[in-house]
Amino acid sequence: MSDPDLSDLAVPGATLAVRVTPRAARNAIQREGDTLRVTVTTVPENGKANTAVIRMLAKSLGVPKSRLTLIRGETGRDKVFRIEG
């Protein structure tokens, strides 16, 4: 299963609501209305899961990882990312 094309969401200044499931069976991104569901195989310790989520989102959005900023939810499952200009 390939990651979805989220390039339509890659607007500078836009925010993305993301629900993360760490320690999943596989890495995947699903679009559910205004929310994205991201499953990663990485464990949620020392920011490893967040790094994996940023890497996957950047690839699907077609933007560099440096343009994604985690603005809320660093230690929770519900996160909000901002796409920097």
N, C-alpha and C. Protein backbone atom coordinates (compact mmCIF):
# COMPACT_ATOMS: atom_id res chain seq x y z
N MET A 1 0.85 -1.18 0.00
CA MET A 1 0.00 0.00 0.00
C MET A 1 0.88 1.24 0.00
N SER A 2 0.73 2.08 -1.01
CA SER A 2 1.56 3.28 -1.08
C SER A 2 0.91 4.39 -0.28
N ASP A 3 1.72 5.33 0.14
CA ASP A 3 1.21 6.47 0.89
C ASP A 3 0.38 7.35 -0.04
N PRO A 4 -0.68 7.96 0.49
CA PRO A 4 -1.53 8.80 -0.36
C PRO A 4 -0.83 10.09 -0.76
N ASP A 5 -1.28 10.66 -1.87
CA ASP A 5 -0.75 11.95 -2.31
C ASP A 5 -1.49 13.04 -1.55
N LEU A 6 -0.77 13.73 -0.68
CA LEU A 6 -1.37 14.78 0.14
C LEU A 6 -0.90 16.16 -0.31
N SER A 7 -0.41 16.27 -1.54
CA SER A 7 0.16 17.53 -1.99
C SER A 7 -0.86 18.67 -1.99
N ASP A 8 -2.16 18.35 -2.05
CA ASP A 8 -3.18 19.40 -2.00
C ASP A 8 -3.24 20.06 -0.62
N LEU A 9 -2.70 19.42 0.40
CA LEU A 9 -2.68 19.98 1.75
C LEU A 9 -1.42 20.80 2.03
N ALA A 10 -0.46 20.77 1.11
CA ALA A 10 0.85 21.40 1.33
C ALA A 10 0.80 22.90 1.07
N VAL A 11 -0.03 23.60 1.85
CA VAL A 11 -0.17 25.04 1.72
C VAL A 11 0.60 25.69 2.87
N PRO A 12 1.51 26.63 2.57
CA PRO A 12 2.27 27.27 3.65
C PRO A 12 1.33 27.90 4.68
N GLY A 13 1.60 27.62 5.96
CA GLY A 13 0.79 28.15 7.04
C GLY A 13 -0.37 27.24 7.44
N ALA A 14 -0.64 26.20 6.65
CA ALA A 14 -1.74 25.28 6.96
C ALA A 14 -1.37 24.40 8.14
N THR A 15 -2.39 23.94 8.88
CA THR A 15 -2.15 23.01 9.97
C THR A 15 -2.80 21.67 9.63
N LEU A 16 -2.18 20.61 10.11
CA LEU A 16 -2.67 19.25 9.87
C LEU A 16 -2.94 18.57 11.21
N ALA A 17 -4.15 18.08 11.39
CA ALA A 17 -4.48 17.30 12.58
C ALA A 17 -4.15 15.84 12.27
N VAL A 18 -3.35 15.23 13.13
CA VAL A 18 -2.87 13.87 12.88
C VAL A 18 -3.11 13.01 14.11
N ARG A 19 -3.65 11.83 13.89
CA ARG A 19 -3.82 10.83 14.96
C ARG A 19 -2.77 9.75 14.72
N VAL A 20 -1.87 9.55 15.66
CA VAL A 20 -0.74 8.64 15.47
C VAL A 20 -0.94 7.36 16.28
N THR A 21 -0.65 6.23 15.64
CA THR A 21 -0.64 4.94 16.33
C THR A 21 0.77 4.36 16.21
N PRO A 22 1.55 4.42 17.30
CA PRO A 22 2.89 3.83 17.26
C PRO A 22 2.83 2.32 17.44
N ARG A 23 3.95 1.66 17.21
CA ARG A 23 4.08 0.20 17.34
C ARG A 23 3.05 -0.54 16.51
N ALA A 24 2.72 -0.03 15.35
CA ALA A 24 1.75 -0.68 14.46
C ALA A 24 2.43 -1.78 13.65
N ALA A 25 1.64 -2.56 12.96
CA ALA A 25 2.18 -3.64 12.14
C ALA A 25 2.91 -3.11 10.92
N ARG A 26 2.46 -1.94 10.42
CA ARG A 26 3.12 -1.36 9.24
C ARG A 26 2.98 0.15 9.26
N ASN A 27 3.81 0.81 8.46
CA ASN A 27 3.72 2.26 8.31
C ASN A 27 2.66 2.57 7.27
N ALA A 28 1.75 3.49 7.60
CA ALA A 28 0.70 3.85 6.65
C ALA A 28 0.10 5.20 7.02
N ILE A 29 -0.48 5.87 6.01
CA ILE A 29 -1.21 7.11 6.22
C ILE A 29 -2.59 6.93 5.62
N GLN A 30 -3.62 7.27 6.40
CA GLN A 30 -4.99 7.21 5.91
C GLN A 30 -5.62 8.59 6.10
N ARG A 31 -6.39 8.99 5.11
CA ARG A 31 -7.08 10.27 5.18
C ARG A 31 -8.52 10.02 5.62
N GLU A 32 -8.93 10.67 6.70
CA GLU A 32 -10.29 10.52 7.20
C GLU A 32 -10.87 11.91 7.43
N GLY A 33 -11.51 12.45 6.40
CA GLY A 33 -12.06 13.81 6.51
C GLY A 33 -10.94 14.82 6.69
N ASP A 34 -11.03 15.59 7.77
CA ASP A 34 -10.02 16.62 8.05
C ASP A 34 -8.84 16.07 8.85
N THR A 35 -8.92 14.82 9.25
CA THR A 35 -7.88 14.23 10.09
C THR A 35 -7.10 13.18 9.30
N LEU A 36 -5.81 13.12 9.60
CA LEU A 36 -4.97 12.07 9.01
C LEU A 36 -4.67 11.05 10.10
N ARG A 37 -4.75 9.77 9.75
CA ARG A 37 -4.36 8.70 10.67
C ARG A 37 -3.03 8.15 10.17
N VAL A 38 -2.03 8.20 11.03
CA VAL A 38 -0.70 7.72 10.67
C VAL A 38 -0.33 6.58 11.61
N THR A 39 0.02 5.44 11.03
CA THR A 39 0.50 4.32 11.84
C THR A 39 1.97 4.12 11.52
N VAL A 40 2.77 3.97 12.57
CA VAL A 40 4.21 3.77 12.41
C VAL A 40 4.64 2.55 13.22
N THR A 41 5.65 1.86 12.74
CA THR A 41 6.15 0.68 13.44
C THR A 41 7.12 1.07 14.57
N THR A 42 7.51 2.31 14.60
CA THR A 42 8.49 2.81 15.56
C THR A 42 7.89 2.90 16.97
N VAL A 43 8.74 2.71 17.97
CA VAL A 43 8.30 2.84 19.37
C VAL A 43 8.27 4.32 19.76
N PRO A 44 7.34 4.70 20.64
CA PRO A 44 7.22 6.11 21.02
C PRO A 44 8.16 6.50 22.16
N GLU A 45 9.44 6.44 21.93
CA GLU A 45 10.39 6.86 22.96
C GLU A 45 11.45 7.76 22.34
N ASN A 46 11.82 8.78 23.08
CA ASN A 46 12.83 9.75 22.66
C ASN A 46 12.50 10.41 21.32
N GLY A 47 11.23 10.57 21.02
CA GLY A 47 10.83 11.26 19.79
C GLY A 47 10.99 10.44 18.52
N LYS A 48 11.27 9.15 18.63
CA LYS A 48 11.48 8.33 17.44
C LYS A 48 10.21 8.22 16.59
N ALA A 49 9.06 8.06 17.24
CA ALA A 49 7.80 7.96 16.48
C ALA A 49 7.49 9.29 15.80
N ASN A 50 7.72 10.40 16.48
CA ASN A 50 7.48 11.71 15.87
C ASN A 50 8.35 11.91 14.64
N THR A 51 9.60 11.49 14.72
CA THR A 51 10.51 11.60 13.58
C THR A 51 10.01 10.77 12.40
N ALA A 52 9.53 9.57 12.69
CA ALA A 52 9.00 8.71 11.64
C ALA A 52 7.76 9.32 11.00
N VAL A 53 6.90 9.92 11.82
CA VAL A 53 5.67 10.56 11.31
C VAL A 53 6.04 11.74 10.41
N ILE A 54 6.98 12.56 10.84
CA ILE A 54 7.40 13.72 10.04
C ILE A 54 7.97 13.25 8.70
N ARG A 55 8.78 12.21 8.72
CA ARG A 55 9.37 11.69 7.49
C ARG A 55 8.28 11.22 6.52
N MET A 56 7.29 10.49 7.03
CA MET A 56 6.21 9.99 6.18
C MET A 56 5.32 11.12 5.65
N LEU A 57 4.98 12.07 6.52
CA LEU A 57 4.14 13.19 6.09
C LEU A 57 4.84 14.03 5.03
N ALA A 58 6.12 14.31 5.24
CA ALA A 58 6.87 15.13 4.28
C ALA A 58 6.89 14.46 2.91
N LYS A 59 7.08 13.16 2.89
CA LYS A 59 7.10 12.43 1.62
C LYS A 59 5.74 12.52 0.92
N SER A 60 4.65 12.30 1.66
CA SER A 60 3.31 12.34 1.07
C SER A 60 2.89 13.75 0.66
N LEU A 61 3.35 14.75 1.41
CA LEU A 61 3.01 16.14 1.10
C LEU A 61 3.87 16.69 -0.04
N GLY A 62 5.04 16.09 -0.24
CA GLY A 62 5.96 16.59 -1.26
C GLY A 62 6.71 17.82 -0.81
N VAL A 63 6.98 17.90 0.50
CA VAL A 63 7.73 19.04 1.05
C VAL A 63 8.92 18.50 1.84
N PRO A 64 9.96 19.33 2.03
CA PRO A 64 11.09 18.89 2.86
C PRO A 64 10.66 18.72 4.32
N LYS A 65 11.31 17.82 5.03
CA LYS A 65 10.99 17.58 6.44
C LYS A 65 11.14 18.85 7.26
N SER A 66 12.06 19.71 6.88
CA SER A 66 12.32 20.93 7.64
C SER A 66 11.14 21.90 7.60
N ARG A 67 10.21 21.72 6.67
CA ARG A 67 9.04 22.61 6.60
C ARG A 67 7.89 22.17 7.49
N LEU A 68 8.00 21.01 8.12
CA LEU A 68 6.96 20.54 9.04
C LEU A 68 7.37 20.82 10.47
N THR A 69 6.48 21.49 11.21
CA THR A 69 6.74 21.81 12.60
C THR A 69 5.64 21.22 13.46
N LEU A 70 6.02 20.47 14.48
CA LEU A 70 5.06 19.93 15.43
C LEU A 70 4.71 21.04 16.41
N ILE A 71 3.45 21.49 16.38
CA ILE A 71 3.09 22.61 17.25
C ILE A 71 2.29 22.18 18.48
N ARG A 72 1.72 20.95 18.45
CA ARG A 72 0.97 20.48 19.61
C ARG A 72 0.94 18.96 19.61
N GLY A 73 1.08 18.37 20.80
CA GLY A 73 0.93 16.92 20.94
C GLY A 73 2.21 16.13 20.87
N GLU A 74 3.30 16.69 21.34
CA GLU A 74 4.58 16.00 21.23
C GLU A 74 4.58 14.63 21.89
N THR A 75 3.88 14.49 23.02
CA THR A 75 3.88 13.21 23.71
C THR A 75 2.54 12.49 23.62
N GLY A 76 1.57 13.07 22.94
CA GLY A 76 0.25 12.44 22.83
C GLY A 76 0.04 11.81 21.47
N ARG A 77 -1.09 11.13 21.31
CA ARG A 77 -1.40 10.50 20.03
C ARG A 77 -1.98 11.49 19.03
N ASP A 78 -2.67 12.52 19.55
CA ASP A 78 -3.25 13.54 18.67
C ASP A 78 -2.25 14.68 18.55
N LYS A 79 -1.83 14.92 17.32
CA LYS A 79 -0.79 15.92 17.07
C LYS A 79 -1.29 16.95 16.05
N VAL A 80 -0.70 18.13 16.09
CA VAL A 80 -0.99 19.16 15.09
C VAL A 80 0.34 19.63 14.52
N PHE A 81 0.45 19.56 13.20
CA PHE A 81 1.65 20.01 12.50
C PHE A 81 1.32 21.25 11.69
N ARG A 82 2.29 22.14 11.57
CA ARG A 82 2.14 23.32 10.70
C ARG A 82 3.13 23.18 9.56
N ILE A 83 2.67 23.56 8.36
CA ILE A 83 3.54 23.57 7.20
C ILE A 83 4.10 24.98 7.08
N GLU A 84 5.40 25.10 7.24
CA GLU A 84 6.06 26.41 7.19
C GLU A 84 6.21 26.86 5.74
N GLY A 85 6.25 28.19 5.57
CA GLY A 85 6.38 28.76 4.22
C GLY A 85 7.77 28.63 3.75
